[in-house]
Amino acid sequence: MIYLTRLNGKMFYINAELIQLVEATPDTVVTLTNDVKYIVKESPEAVIDKIVHYRRRIYNPRLVSEATGE
């Protein structure tokens, strides 16, 4: 799960595995595999960074601990 921020400022968690598309229109729209769409404050690049960090943490925790020195 990654956390994102709705335009009204409320934070929520979303399953990163269900994200199909991230686009700027100019707001960032996150589309899930079931065609549900969320408009978020984060830039597309920030959403991608969160997804990459999530996947590194889940699939290879050693990479995260080496990068953060934990």
Protein backbone atom coordinates (compact mmCIF):
# COMPACT_ATOMS: atom_id res chain seq x y z
CA MET A 1 0.00 0.00 0.00
CA ILE A 2 1.12 3.56 -0.68
CA TYR A 3 -0.37 6.74 0.70
CA LEU A 4 -1.60 9.55 -1.52
CA THR A 5 -3.40 12.85 -0.93
CA ARG A 6 -6.77 13.77 -2.37
CA LEU A 7 -7.26 17.32 -3.62
CA ASN A 8 -9.20 18.13 -0.42
CA GLY A 9 -6.07 17.30 1.62
CA LYS A 10 -7.23 13.95 3.01
CA MET A 11 -4.66 11.20 2.85
CA PHE A 12 -5.58 7.65 1.90
CA TYR A 13 -3.84 4.37 1.19
CA ILE A 14 -4.12 2.62 -2.14
CA ASN A 15 -2.97 -0.81 -3.25
CA ALA A 16 0.01 -0.11 -5.50
CA GLU A 17 -0.44 -3.47 -7.21
CA LEU A 18 -3.79 -2.30 -8.63
CA ILE A 19 -2.45 0.87 -10.28
CA GLN A 20 -2.68 0.61 -14.05
CA LEU A 21 -2.05 4.19 -15.15
CA VAL A 22 -0.76 7.48 -13.73
CA GLU A 23 -1.26 10.59 -15.84
CA ALA A 24 -1.18 14.38 -15.57
CA THR A 25 -4.24 16.08 -17.08
CA PRO A 26 -3.01 18.64 -15.53
CA ASP A 27 -4.10 17.12 -12.19
CA THR A 28 -2.59 13.73 -11.45
CA VAL A 29 -5.09 10.96 -12.17
CA VAL A 30 -4.41 7.45 -10.87
CA THR A 31 -6.41 4.76 -12.65
CA LEU A 32 -6.76 1.30 -11.13
CA THR A 33 -7.14 -1.97 -12.99
CA ASN A 34 -10.90 -1.88 -12.27
CA ASP A 35 -11.15 1.58 -13.96
CA VAL A 36 -11.67 3.44 -10.66
CA LYS A 37 -9.93 6.82 -10.90
CA TYR A 38 -8.48 9.01 -8.16
CA ILE A 39 -7.31 12.60 -8.55
CA VAL A 40 -4.39 13.28 -6.22
CA LYS A 41 -2.13 16.18 -5.25
CA GLU A 42 1.13 14.30 -5.85
CA SER A 43 2.84 14.64 -9.21
CA PRO A 44 2.98 11.58 -11.47
CA GLU A 45 6.71 11.34 -10.72
CA ALA A 46 6.04 11.33 -6.95
CA VAL A 47 3.44 8.57 -7.36
CA ILE A 48 5.90 6.50 -9.39
CA ASP A 49 8.60 7.05 -6.74
CA LYS A 50 6.19 5.76 -4.08
CA ILE A 51 5.37 2.70 -6.18
CA VAL A 52 9.06 1.95 -6.77
CA HIS A 53 9.85 2.34 -3.06
CA TYR A 54 6.90 0.08 -2.16
CA ARG A 55 7.98 -2.64 -4.59
CA ARG A 56 11.59 -2.51 -3.40
CA ARG A 57 10.40 -2.82 0.19
CA ILE A 58 8.09 -5.74 -0.61
CA TYR A 59 10.13 -7.69 -3.14
CA ASN A 60 13.67 -6.99 -1.92
CA PRO A 61 13.75 -5.51 1.59
CA ARG A 62 17.55 -5.72 1.61
CA LEU A 63 17.77 -3.02 -1.09
CA VAL A 64 15.74 -0.61 1.06
CA SER A 65 17.79 -1.27 4.18
CA GLU A 66 21.06 -0.81 2.26
CA ALA A 67 19.86 2.45 0.72
CA THR A 68 18.65 3.88 4.04
CA GLY A 69 21.43 2.44 6.18
CA GLU A 70 18.96 0.54 8.38
